[in-house]
């Protein structure tokens, strides 16, 4: 998928993007305060999602026309659901701090929605930290709804 406007290009991440993508993932891990637990390496990114035939995740990048990556999104697909339409889980969504409020995140999110529709996805789901009001406002603006019918639970090992 390549999704264009005059300022930004959204495209699927490739093997050659592993180094820069990992750097952005480190920035997100710092922001969300789990960097000391972050174990992903460039090799992992290539093996699990960026390499040929890899399918554990898909990463989309929002780049300037000059090729600078300003934002990324990681999608994990749950193929089998009750209505036989996959769910996409937006595992990570990050915009470089200096690129925020310039339409980068909006452009990336709209491209993800368009790709989801084109792929026959039934639902796009994601989590937001409770204290990130700006993220909550962003998703509301893009027709996201707070899921109140379910509670998020976790079992840590």
N, C-alpha and C. Protein backbone atom coordinates (compact mmCIF):
# COMPACT_ATOMS: atom_id res chain seq x y z
N UNK A 1 0.85 -1.17 0.00
CA UNK A 1 0.00 0.00 0.00
C UNK A 1 0.89 1.23 0.00
N UNK A 2 0.69 2.08 -0.92
CA UNK A 2 1.28 3.42 -0.89
C UNK A 2 0.13 4.41 -0.90
N UNK A 3 0.10 5.30 0.05
CA UNK A 3 -0.98 6.26 0.22
C UNK A 3 -0.31 7.63 0.23
N UNK A 4 -0.67 8.47 -0.72
CA UNK A 4 0.05 9.72 -0.91
C UNK A 4 -0.81 10.94 -0.59
N UNK A 5 -0.20 11.98 -0.14
CA UNK A 5 -0.73 13.32 -0.25
C UNK A 5 0.46 14.18 -0.64
N UNK A 6 0.30 15.45 -0.66
CA UNK A 6 1.37 16.30 -1.15
C UNK A 6 2.59 16.33 -0.23
N UNK A 7 2.39 16.03 1.05
CA UNK A 7 3.50 16.13 2.00
C UNK A 7 4.03 14.80 2.48
N UNK A 8 3.18 13.76 2.52
CA UNK A 8 3.57 12.51 3.15
C UNK A 8 3.22 11.30 2.28
N UNK A 9 3.99 10.26 2.46
CA UNK A 9 3.77 8.99 1.79
C UNK A 9 3.66 7.93 2.87
N UNK A 10 2.61 7.12 2.83
CA UNK A 10 2.49 5.98 3.74
C UNK A 10 2.78 4.73 2.92
N UNK A 11 3.69 3.93 3.45
CA UNK A 11 4.07 2.69 2.76
C UNK A 11 4.38 1.62 3.78
N UNK A 12 4.36 0.40 3.31
CA UNK A 12 4.71 -0.73 4.16
C UNK A 12 6.22 -0.72 4.40
N UNK A 13 6.61 -0.99 5.63
CA UNK A 13 8.03 -1.03 5.97
C UNK A 13 8.70 -2.21 5.28
N UNK A 14 9.95 -2.01 4.91
CA UNK A 14 10.75 -3.03 4.24
C UNK A 14 11.95 -3.38 5.12
N UNK A 15 12.64 -4.42 4.73
CA UNK A 15 13.83 -4.86 5.47
C UNK A 15 14.81 -3.71 5.67
N UNK A 16 14.99 -2.89 4.67
CA UNK A 16 15.95 -1.79 4.75
C UNK A 16 15.54 -0.72 5.76
N UNK A 17 14.33 -0.76 6.26
CA UNK A 17 13.84 0.22 7.24
C UNK A 17 14.08 -0.22 8.68
N UNK A 18 14.62 -1.41 8.88
CA UNK A 18 14.71 -1.99 10.23
C UNK A 18 15.44 -1.09 11.22
N UNK A 19 16.56 -0.51 10.83
CA UNK A 19 17.35 0.31 11.75
C UNK A 19 16.56 1.53 12.21
N UNK A 20 15.98 2.26 11.26
CA UNK A 20 15.25 3.48 11.63
C UNK A 20 13.96 3.14 12.37
N UNK A 21 13.28 2.07 11.97
CA UNK A 21 12.07 1.65 12.68
C UNK A 21 12.39 1.29 14.12
N UNK A 22 13.46 0.56 14.33
CA UNK A 22 13.84 0.20 15.69
C UNK A 22 14.14 1.44 16.53
N UNK A 23 14.77 2.44 15.93
CA UNK A 23 15.01 3.69 16.65
C UNK A 23 13.72 4.35 17.10
N UNK A 24 12.72 4.37 16.23
CA UNK A 24 11.42 4.93 16.61
C UNK A 24 10.75 4.09 17.69
N UNK A 25 10.90 2.78 17.61
CA UNK A 25 10.34 1.90 18.65
C UNK A 25 10.99 2.19 20.00
N UNK A 26 12.28 2.48 19.98
CA UNK A 26 12.97 2.85 21.22
C UNK A 26 12.40 4.16 21.78
N UNK A 27 12.11 5.12 20.90
CA UNK A 27 11.51 6.38 21.35
C UNK A 27 10.16 6.13 22.01
N UNK A 28 9.34 5.26 21.40
CA UNK A 28 8.05 4.93 22.00
C UNK A 28 8.23 4.23 23.35
N UNK A 29 9.18 3.30 23.42
CA UNK A 29 9.44 2.59 24.68
C UNK A 29 9.89 3.56 25.77
N UNK A 30 10.67 4.57 25.40
CA UNK A 30 11.05 5.59 26.37
C UNK A 30 9.83 6.37 26.84
N UNK A 31 8.98 6.79 25.90
CA UNK A 31 7.79 7.57 26.22
C UNK A 31 6.84 6.79 27.13
N UNK A 32 6.66 5.50 26.84
CA UNK A 32 5.72 4.68 27.61
C UNK A 32 6.38 4.00 28.81
N UNK A 33 7.66 4.29 29.02
CA UNK A 33 8.41 3.86 30.20
C UNK A 33 8.54 2.34 30.33
N UNK A 34 8.85 1.67 29.22
CA UNK A 34 9.16 0.25 29.29
C UNK A 34 10.47 -0.07 28.57
N UNK A 35 11.31 0.92 28.37
CA UNK A 35 12.54 0.72 27.62
C UNK A 35 13.43 -0.36 28.22
N UNK A 36 13.52 -0.42 29.55
CA UNK A 36 14.40 -1.42 30.18
C UNK A 36 13.93 -2.84 29.92
N UNK A 37 12.68 -3.01 29.49
CA UNK A 37 12.13 -4.35 29.19
C UNK A 37 12.08 -4.61 27.68
N UNK A 38 12.45 -3.64 26.88
CA UNK A 38 12.35 -3.75 25.42
C UNK A 38 13.45 -4.67 24.89
N UNK A 39 13.08 -5.73 24.21
CA UNK A 39 14.05 -6.74 23.77
C UNK A 39 14.17 -6.86 22.26
N UNK A 40 13.34 -6.20 21.49
CA UNK A 40 13.31 -6.36 20.04
C UNK A 40 14.61 -5.85 19.42
N UNK A 41 15.12 -6.60 18.46
CA UNK A 41 16.32 -6.22 17.73
C UNK A 41 15.98 -6.05 16.25
N UNK A 42 16.90 -5.53 15.48
CA UNK A 42 16.71 -5.43 14.04
C UNK A 42 16.47 -6.81 13.43
N UNK A 43 17.22 -7.79 13.89
CA UNK A 43 17.05 -9.16 13.40
C UNK A 43 15.64 -9.65 13.65
N UNK A 44 15.09 -9.36 14.82
CA UNK A 44 13.72 -9.75 15.13
C UNK A 44 12.73 -9.09 14.18
N UNK A 45 12.92 -7.81 13.93
CA UNK A 45 12.01 -7.10 13.03
C UNK A 45 12.00 -7.73 11.65
N UNK A 46 13.17 -8.07 11.15
CA UNK A 46 13.26 -8.67 9.82
C UNK A 46 12.66 -10.07 9.83
N UNK A 47 12.98 -10.85 10.83
CA UNK A 47 12.50 -12.23 10.91
C UNK A 47 10.98 -12.30 11.08
N UNK A 48 10.41 -11.39 11.85
CA UNK A 48 9.00 -11.50 12.22
C UNK A 48 8.05 -10.66 11.39
N UNK A 49 8.54 -9.65 10.67
CA UNK A 49 7.58 -8.83 9.97
C UNK A 49 8.08 -8.11 8.74
N UNK A 50 9.34 -7.83 8.66
CA UNK A 50 9.82 -7.03 7.54
C UNK A 50 10.43 -7.87 6.42
N UNK A 51 10.73 -9.12 6.69
CA UNK A 51 11.36 -9.96 5.68
C UNK A 51 10.36 -10.60 4.74
N UNK A 52 10.87 -11.16 3.68
CA UNK A 52 10.02 -11.88 2.73
C UNK A 52 9.34 -13.05 3.42
N UNK A 53 8.04 -13.12 3.28
CA UNK A 53 7.28 -14.22 3.84
C UNK A 53 6.98 -14.10 5.32
N UNK A 54 7.57 -13.13 6.01
CA UNK A 54 7.30 -12.94 7.43
C UNK A 54 5.88 -12.40 7.59
N UNK A 55 5.20 -12.86 8.65
CA UNK A 55 3.80 -12.45 8.75
C UNK A 55 3.31 -12.22 10.18
N UNK A 56 4.21 -12.10 11.13
CA UNK A 56 3.75 -11.90 12.50
C UNK A 56 3.18 -10.51 12.72
N UNK A 57 3.63 -9.54 11.94
CA UNK A 57 3.10 -8.19 12.03
C UNK A 57 3.39 -7.47 10.71
N UNK A 58 2.72 -6.34 10.54
CA UNK A 58 3.00 -5.46 9.40
C UNK A 58 3.24 -4.08 9.98
N UNK A 59 4.28 -3.43 9.51
CA UNK A 59 4.57 -2.06 9.93
C UNK A 59 4.34 -1.13 8.75
N UNK A 60 3.67 -0.02 9.01
CA UNK A 60 3.47 1.02 8.00
C UNK A 60 4.23 2.26 8.45
N UNK A 61 4.82 2.94 7.49
CA UNK A 61 5.61 4.13 7.77
C UNK A 61 4.99 5.33 7.08
N UNK A 62 5.02 6.47 7.74
CA UNK A 62 4.61 7.73 7.13
C UNK A 62 5.89 8.54 6.96
N UNK A 63 6.22 8.81 5.70
CA UNK A 63 7.49 9.45 5.36
C UNK A 63 7.25 10.76 4.63
N UNK A 64 8.23 11.63 4.73
CA UNK A 64 8.22 12.83 3.89
C UNK A 64 8.56 12.40 2.47
N UNK A 65 8.34 13.28 1.52
CA UNK A 65 8.71 12.95 0.14
C UNK A 65 10.20 12.70 0.00
N UNK A 66 11.00 13.26 0.92
CA UNK A 66 12.44 13.06 0.90
C UNK A 66 12.83 11.71 1.51
N UNK A 67 11.86 11.01 2.10
CA UNK A 67 12.10 9.68 2.66
C UNK A 67 12.30 9.62 4.15
N UNK A 68 12.26 10.74 4.86
CA UNK A 68 12.42 10.70 6.32
C UNK A 68 11.17 10.10 6.96
N UNK A 69 11.38 9.11 7.80
CA UNK A 69 10.27 8.47 8.50
C UNK A 69 9.84 9.36 9.66
N UNK A 70 8.60 9.80 9.63
CA UNK A 70 8.07 10.69 10.68
C UNK A 70 7.17 9.95 11.67
N UNK A 71 6.63 8.78 11.26
CA UNK A 71 5.70 8.05 12.11
C UNK A 71 5.65 6.60 11.66
N UNK A 72 5.21 5.74 12.56
CA UNK A 72 5.01 4.35 12.18
C UNK A 72 3.82 3.76 12.92
N UNK A 73 3.29 2.69 12.37
CA UNK A 73 2.22 1.93 13.00
C UNK A 73 2.55 0.45 12.81
N UNK A 74 2.30 -0.33 13.84
CA UNK A 74 2.47 -1.78 13.77
C UNK A 74 1.10 -2.42 13.92
N UNK A 75 0.78 -3.27 12.96
CA UNK A 75 -0.51 -3.97 12.94
C UNK A 75 -0.27 -5.46 13.12
N UNK A 76 -1.06 -6.07 14.01
CA UNK A 76 -1.09 -7.51 14.17
C UNK A 76 -2.50 -7.95 13.78
N UNK A 77 -2.59 -8.92 12.90
CA UNK A 77 -3.90 -9.37 12.43
C UNK A 77 -4.34 -10.62 13.16
N UNK A 78 -5.59 -10.60 13.61
CA UNK A 78 -6.24 -11.79 14.17
C UNK A 78 -7.17 -12.27 13.07
N UNK A 79 -6.80 -13.36 12.42
CA UNK A 79 -7.47 -13.77 11.19
C UNK A 79 -8.86 -14.35 11.40
N UNK A 80 -9.07 -15.07 12.48
CA UNK A 80 -10.34 -15.77 12.66
C UNK A 80 -11.15 -15.10 13.76
N UNK A 81 -12.30 -14.57 13.40
CA UNK A 81 -13.20 -13.96 14.38
C UNK A 81 -14.60 -14.50 14.15
N UNK A 82 -15.53 -14.10 14.98
CA UNK A 82 -16.89 -14.62 14.94
C UNK A 82 -17.59 -14.39 13.61
N UNK A 83 -17.24 -13.34 12.91
CA UNK A 83 -17.91 -13.04 11.64
C UNK A 83 -17.04 -13.36 10.43
N UNK A 84 -15.97 -14.11 10.67
CA UNK A 84 -15.04 -14.53 9.62
C UNK A 84 -14.34 -13.37 8.93
N UNK A 85 -14.34 -12.22 9.59
CA UNK A 85 -13.58 -11.06 9.11
C UNK A 85 -12.47 -10.80 10.13
N UNK A 86 -11.28 -10.54 9.66
CA UNK A 86 -10.17 -10.36 10.61
C UNK A 86 -10.30 -9.08 11.42
N UNK A 87 -9.70 -9.10 12.58
CA UNK A 87 -9.50 -7.89 13.38
C UNK A 87 -8.06 -7.45 13.15
N UNK A 88 -7.86 -6.15 13.07
CA UNK A 88 -6.52 -5.60 13.10
C UNK A 88 -6.34 -4.98 14.47
N UNK A 89 -5.24 -5.33 15.10
CA UNK A 89 -4.89 -4.74 16.38
C UNK A 89 -3.72 -3.79 16.14
N UNK A 90 -3.97 -2.53 16.40
CA UNK A 90 -2.94 -1.50 16.25
C UNK A 90 -2.06 -1.57 17.49
N UNK A 91 -0.97 -2.30 17.36
CA UNK A 91 -0.10 -2.57 18.50
C UNK A 91 0.72 -1.35 18.89
N UNK A 92 1.21 -0.61 17.89
CA UNK A 92 1.99 0.59 18.16
C UNK A 92 1.64 1.65 17.13
N UNK A 93 1.58 2.89 17.60
CA UNK A 93 1.34 4.04 16.73
C UNK A 93 2.15 5.18 17.33
N UNK A 94 3.12 5.66 16.57
CA UNK A 94 4.03 6.66 17.12
C UNK A 94 4.38 7.69 16.06
N UNK A 95 4.33 8.95 16.47
CA UNK A 95 4.74 10.07 15.62
C UNK A 95 5.90 10.77 16.34
N UNK A 96 6.97 11.03 15.61
CA UNK A 96 8.10 11.74 16.20
C UNK A 96 7.58 13.03 16.86
N UNK A 97 8.06 13.37 18.04
CA UNK A 97 7.58 14.58 18.72
C UNK A 97 7.65 15.84 17.86
N UNK A 98 8.73 16.01 17.09
CA UNK A 98 8.87 17.22 16.28
C UNK A 98 7.95 17.22 15.06
N UNK A 99 7.31 16.09 14.75
CA UNK A 99 6.40 16.01 13.59
C UNK A 99 4.93 16.08 14.01
N UNK A 100 4.68 16.14 15.30
CA UNK A 100 3.29 16.17 15.78
C UNK A 100 2.63 17.50 15.43
N UNK A 101 1.31 17.44 15.29
CA UNK A 101 0.47 18.60 14.97
C UNK A 101 0.75 19.15 13.57
N UNK A 102 1.26 18.29 12.70
CA UNK A 102 1.51 18.68 11.31
C UNK A 102 0.72 17.82 10.33
N UNK A 103 -0.17 16.99 10.85
CA UNK A 103 -0.98 16.13 9.99
C UNK A 103 -0.38 14.77 9.71
N UNK A 104 0.79 14.49 10.26
CA UNK A 104 1.45 13.21 10.02
C UNK A 104 0.63 12.05 10.58
N UNK A 105 0.25 12.14 11.85
CA UNK A 105 -0.52 11.07 12.48
C UNK A 105 -1.87 10.88 11.81
N UNK A 106 -2.52 11.98 11.47
CA UNK A 106 -3.82 11.89 10.79
C UNK A 106 -3.67 11.19 9.45
N UNK A 107 -2.63 11.54 8.73
CA UNK A 107 -2.42 10.94 7.42
C UNK A 107 -2.17 9.43 7.55
N UNK A 108 -1.34 9.05 8.51
CA UNK A 108 -1.05 7.64 8.72
C UNK A 108 -2.30 6.89 9.16
N UNK A 109 -3.07 7.46 10.08
CA UNK A 109 -4.26 6.77 10.58
C UNK A 109 -5.31 6.61 9.48
N UNK A 110 -5.51 7.63 8.68
CA UNK A 110 -6.47 7.54 7.56
C UNK A 110 -6.02 6.48 6.55
N UNK A 111 -4.72 6.38 6.31
CA UNK A 111 -4.21 5.36 5.40
C UNK A 111 -4.44 3.96 5.97
N UNK A 112 -4.25 3.80 7.27
CA UNK A 112 -4.52 2.50 7.91
C UNK A 112 -5.99 2.12 7.78
N UNK A 113 -6.87 3.09 8.02
CA UNK A 113 -8.31 2.81 7.89
C UNK A 113 -8.65 2.41 6.46
N UNK A 114 -8.11 3.10 5.49
CA UNK A 114 -8.38 2.77 4.09
C UNK A 114 -7.87 1.37 3.75
N UNK A 115 -6.67 1.03 4.23
CA UNK A 115 -6.11 -0.30 3.96
C UNK A 115 -6.94 -1.37 4.66
N UNK A 116 -7.39 -1.10 5.88
CA UNK A 116 -8.23 -2.06 6.61
C UNK A 116 -9.52 -2.35 5.85
N UNK A 117 -10.17 -1.29 5.40
CA UNK A 117 -11.41 -1.47 4.62
C UNK A 117 -11.14 -2.29 3.35
N UNK A 118 -10.07 -1.93 2.64
CA UNK A 118 -9.74 -2.63 1.40
C UNK A 118 -9.39 -4.10 1.65
N UNK A 119 -8.92 -4.42 2.85
CA UNK A 119 -8.54 -5.79 3.19
C UNK A 119 -9.68 -6.59 3.79
N UNK A 120 -10.85 -5.97 3.95
CA UNK A 120 -12.00 -6.69 4.51
C UNK A 120 -11.97 -6.86 6.01
N UNK A 121 -11.23 -6.00 6.68
CA UNK A 121 -11.12 -6.07 8.14
C UNK A 121 -12.46 -5.67 8.77
N UNK A 122 -12.86 -6.39 9.81
CA UNK A 122 -14.10 -6.08 10.50
C UNK A 122 -13.96 -5.01 11.56
N UNK A 123 -12.82 -4.99 12.24
CA UNK A 123 -12.60 -4.06 13.33
C UNK A 123 -11.13 -3.70 13.43
N UNK A 124 -10.86 -2.46 13.74
CA UNK A 124 -9.51 -1.99 14.08
C UNK A 124 -9.56 -1.65 15.56
N UNK A 125 -8.68 -2.28 16.34
CA UNK A 125 -8.68 -2.11 17.80
C UNK A 125 -7.32 -1.61 18.25
N UNK A 126 -7.31 -0.90 19.38
CA UNK A 126 -6.05 -0.41 19.93
C UNK A 126 -6.24 -0.07 21.39
N UNK A 127 -5.15 0.10 22.09
CA UNK A 127 -5.15 0.52 23.49
C UNK A 127 -4.52 1.89 23.59
N UNK A 128 -4.96 2.66 24.58
CA UNK A 128 -4.41 3.98 24.84
C UNK A 128 -4.14 4.08 26.34
N UNK A 129 -2.98 4.60 26.69
CA UNK A 129 -2.69 4.82 28.10
C UNK A 129 -3.71 5.80 28.67
N UNK A 130 -4.20 5.55 29.89
CA UNK A 130 -5.27 6.38 30.45
C UNK A 130 -4.92 7.86 30.60
N UNK A 131 -3.65 8.19 30.75
CA UNK A 131 -3.29 9.59 30.98
C UNK A 131 -2.85 10.33 29.72
N UNK A 132 -3.00 9.73 28.56
CA UNK A 132 -2.62 10.41 27.31
C UNK A 132 -3.84 11.02 26.66
N UNK A 133 -4.26 12.15 27.20
CA UNK A 133 -5.45 12.84 26.73
C UNK A 133 -5.35 13.25 25.26
N UNK A 134 -4.15 13.64 24.83
CA UNK A 134 -4.00 14.06 23.43
C UNK A 134 -4.23 12.88 22.48
N UNK A 135 -3.77 11.69 22.86
CA UNK A 135 -4.02 10.50 22.03
C UNK A 135 -5.50 10.17 22.01
N UNK A 136 -6.15 10.28 23.14
CA UNK A 136 -7.59 10.00 23.20
C UNK A 136 -8.36 10.97 22.32
N UNK A 137 -8.00 12.24 22.37
CA UNK A 137 -8.66 13.24 21.52
C UNK A 137 -8.40 12.96 20.05
N UNK A 138 -7.18 12.56 19.72
CA UNK A 138 -6.83 12.22 18.34
C UNK A 138 -7.72 11.10 17.83
N UNK A 139 -7.84 10.02 18.59
CA UNK A 139 -8.64 8.88 18.13
C UNK A 139 -10.13 9.20 18.07
N UNK A 140 -10.63 9.99 19.02
CA UNK A 140 -12.03 10.42 18.94
C UNK A 140 -12.28 11.22 17.66
N UNK A 141 -11.34 12.09 17.34
CA UNK A 141 -11.45 12.90 16.12
C UNK A 141 -11.53 12.01 14.87
N UNK A 142 -10.91 10.85 14.93
CA UNK A 142 -10.90 9.92 13.79
C UNK A 142 -11.94 8.81 13.96
N UNK A 143 -13.03 9.13 14.65
CA UNK A 143 -14.18 8.25 14.83
C UNK A 143 -13.92 7.02 15.70
N UNK A 144 -12.85 7.03 16.46
CA UNK A 144 -12.61 5.95 17.40
C UNK A 144 -13.57 6.07 18.58
N UNK A 145 -13.92 4.94 19.13
CA UNK A 145 -14.84 4.90 20.27
C UNK A 145 -14.18 4.16 21.42
N UNK A 146 -14.38 4.67 22.64
CA UNK A 146 -13.89 3.98 23.82
C UNK A 146 -14.71 2.71 24.00
N UNK A 147 -14.05 1.58 24.06
CA UNK A 147 -14.73 0.29 24.25
C UNK A 147 -15.05 0.13 25.72
N UNK A 148 -16.31 0.08 26.05
CA UNK A 148 -16.71 -0.06 27.45
C UNK A 148 -17.37 -1.41 27.74
N UNK A 149 -17.64 -2.18 26.71
CA UNK A 149 -18.30 -3.47 26.91
C UNK A 149 -17.34 -4.54 27.44
N UNK A 150 -16.03 -4.31 27.26
CA UNK A 150 -15.03 -5.28 27.67
C UNK A 150 -14.01 -4.61 28.57
N UNK A 151 -13.41 -5.38 29.43
CA UNK A 151 -12.30 -4.92 30.26
C UNK A 151 -11.02 -5.55 29.74
N UNK A 152 -9.96 -4.81 29.73
CA UNK A 152 -8.66 -5.36 29.33
C UNK A 152 -8.08 -6.10 30.54
N UNK A 153 -7.66 -7.34 30.32
CA UNK A 153 -7.04 -8.16 31.37
C UNK A 153 -5.71 -8.65 30.85
N UNK A 154 -4.85 -9.03 31.78
CA UNK A 154 -3.52 -9.51 31.39
C UNK A 154 -3.06 -10.56 32.39
N UNK A 155 -2.30 -11.51 31.90
CA UNK A 155 -1.62 -12.49 32.75
C UNK A 155 -0.15 -12.40 32.39
N UNK A 156 0.68 -12.01 33.32
CA UNK A 156 2.11 -11.82 33.06
C UNK A 156 2.88 -13.08 33.46
N UNK A 157 3.87 -13.42 32.67
CA UNK A 157 4.72 -14.58 32.95
C UNK A 157 6.15 -14.16 33.11
